[in-house]
Amino acid sequence: MKDQKPYMALIAEFTAVNPATGVEEDGYLIFPKVALGEISNDISTKDADGENVAA
């Protein structure tokens, strides 16, 4: 039987200045269903054309 990773919510809080009012405001990014795994040493990104680029 394969191990299944549990899903959880990920909430990130940030503070930013509203350029219209100049007031500092708190904001939140909420990802309601994520599965966290191990970090890999094989890192790559994609360029503007969608081709893999080694980091």
C-alpha atoms as a PDB file:
ATOM      1  CA  MET A   1       0.000   0.000   0.000  1.00  0.00           C
ATOM      2  CA  LYS A   2       1.376   3.419  -0.962  1.00  0.00           C
ATOM      3  CA  ASP A   3       1.745   6.143   1.629  1.00  0.00           C
ATOM      4  CA  GLN A   4      -0.616   8.994   0.900  1.00  0.00           C
ATOM      5  CA  LYS A   5       0.409  12.500   1.884  1.00  0.00           C
ATOM      6  CA  PRO A   6      -2.251  14.331   3.854  1.00  0.00           C
ATOM      7  CA  TYR A   7      -3.586  17.571   2.456  1.00  0.00           C
ATOM      8  CA  MET A   8      -3.437  20.679   4.590  1.00  0.00           C
ATOM      9  CA  ALA A   9      -4.034  24.399   4.316  1.00  0.00           C
ATOM     10  CA  LEU A  10      -1.065  26.724   3.914  1.00  0.00           C
ATOM     11  CA  ILE A  11      -1.543  30.326   5.064  1.00  0.00           C
ATOM     12  CA  ALA A  12       1.092  33.011   4.431  1.00  0.00           C
ATOM     13  CA  GLU A  13       0.788  36.443   6.023  1.00  0.00           C
ATOM     14  CA  PHE A  14       2.411  39.542   4.537  1.00  0.00           C
ATOM     15  CA  THR A  15       2.474  43.266   5.212  1.00  0.00           C
ATOM     16  CA  ALA A  16       2.384  45.818   2.392  1.00  0.00           C
ATOM     17  CA  VAL A  17       1.817  49.531   1.969  1.00  0.00           C
ATOM     18  CA  ASN A  18      -1.292  50.481   0.024  1.00  0.00           C
ATOM     19  CA  PRO A  19       0.019  52.931  -2.616  1.00  0.00           C
ATOM     20  CA  ALA A  20      -3.332  54.731  -2.849  1.00  0.00           C
ATOM     21  CA  THR A  21      -3.564  55.552   0.866  1.00  0.00           C
ATOM     22  CA  GLY A  22      -0.007  55.088   2.147  1.00  0.00           C
ATOM     23  CA  VAL A  23      -1.393  52.885   4.936  1.00  0.00           C
ATOM     24  CA  GLU A  24       0.392  49.682   5.922  1.00  0.00           C
ATOM     25  CA  GLU A  25      -1.976  46.705   5.601  1.00  0.00           C
ATOM     26  CA  ASP A  26      -1.778  43.011   6.423  1.00  0.00           C
ATOM     27  CA  GLY A  27      -2.682  40.499   3.762  1.00  0.00           C
ATOM     28  CA  TYR A  28      -2.981  36.736   3.566  1.00  0.00           C
ATOM     29  CA  LEU A  29      -2.377  34.155   0.860  1.00  0.00           C
ATOM     30  CA  ILE A  30      -4.416  31.022   1.519  1.00  0.00           C
ATOM     31  CA  PHE A  31      -3.782  27.755  -0.312  1.00  0.00           C
ATOM     32  CA  PRO A  32      -6.621  25.502   0.904  1.00  0.00           C
ATOM     33  CA  LYS A  33      -5.357  22.124  -0.325  1.00  0.00           C
ATOM     34  CA  VAL A  34      -1.610  21.452  -0.531  1.00  0.00           C
ATOM     35  CA  ALA A  35       0.580  18.418   0.050  1.00  0.00           C
ATOM     36  CA  LEU A  36       4.096  19.010   1.310  1.00  0.00           C
ATOM     37  CA  GLY A  37       6.919  16.699   0.322  1.00  0.00           C
ATOM     38  CA  GLU A  38      10.661  16.379   0.620  1.00  0.00           C
ATOM     39  CA  ILE A  39      12.900  18.991  -0.943  1.00  0.00           C
ATOM     40  CA  SER A  40      14.792  17.657  -3.934  1.00  0.00           C
ATOM     41  CA  ASN A  41      18.357  18.463  -4.932  1.00  0.00           C
ATOM     42  CA  ASP A  42      17.298  18.315  -8.604  1.00  0.00           C
ATOM     43  CA  ILE A  43      16.227  21.901  -9.153  1.00  0.00           C
ATOM     44  CA  SER A  44      15.137  23.288 -12.506  1.00  0.00           C
ATOM     45  CA  THR A  45      13.102  26.196 -13.767  1.00  0.00           C
ATOM     46  CA  LYS A  46      11.455  26.973 -17.083  1.00  0.00           C
ATOM     47  CA  ASP A  47      12.298  29.830 -19.406  1.00  0.00           C
ATOM     48  CA  ALA A  48       9.733  31.969 -21.281  1.00  0.00           C
ATOM     49  CA  ASP A  49       9.425  29.275 -23.980  1.00  0.00           C
ATOM     50  CA  GLY A  50       8.622  26.553 -21.439  1.00  0.00           C
ATOM     51  CA  GLU A  51      12.014  24.810 -21.800  1.00  0.00           C
ATOM     52  CA  ASN A  52      13.651  23.399 -18.663  1.00  0.00           C
ATOM     53  CA  VAL A  53      16.676  25.349 -17.472  1.00  0.00           C
ATOM     54  CA  ALA A  54      19.002  23.828 -14.863  1.00  0.00           C
ATOM     55  CA  ALA A  55      19.573  26.071 -11.878  1.00  0.00           C
END
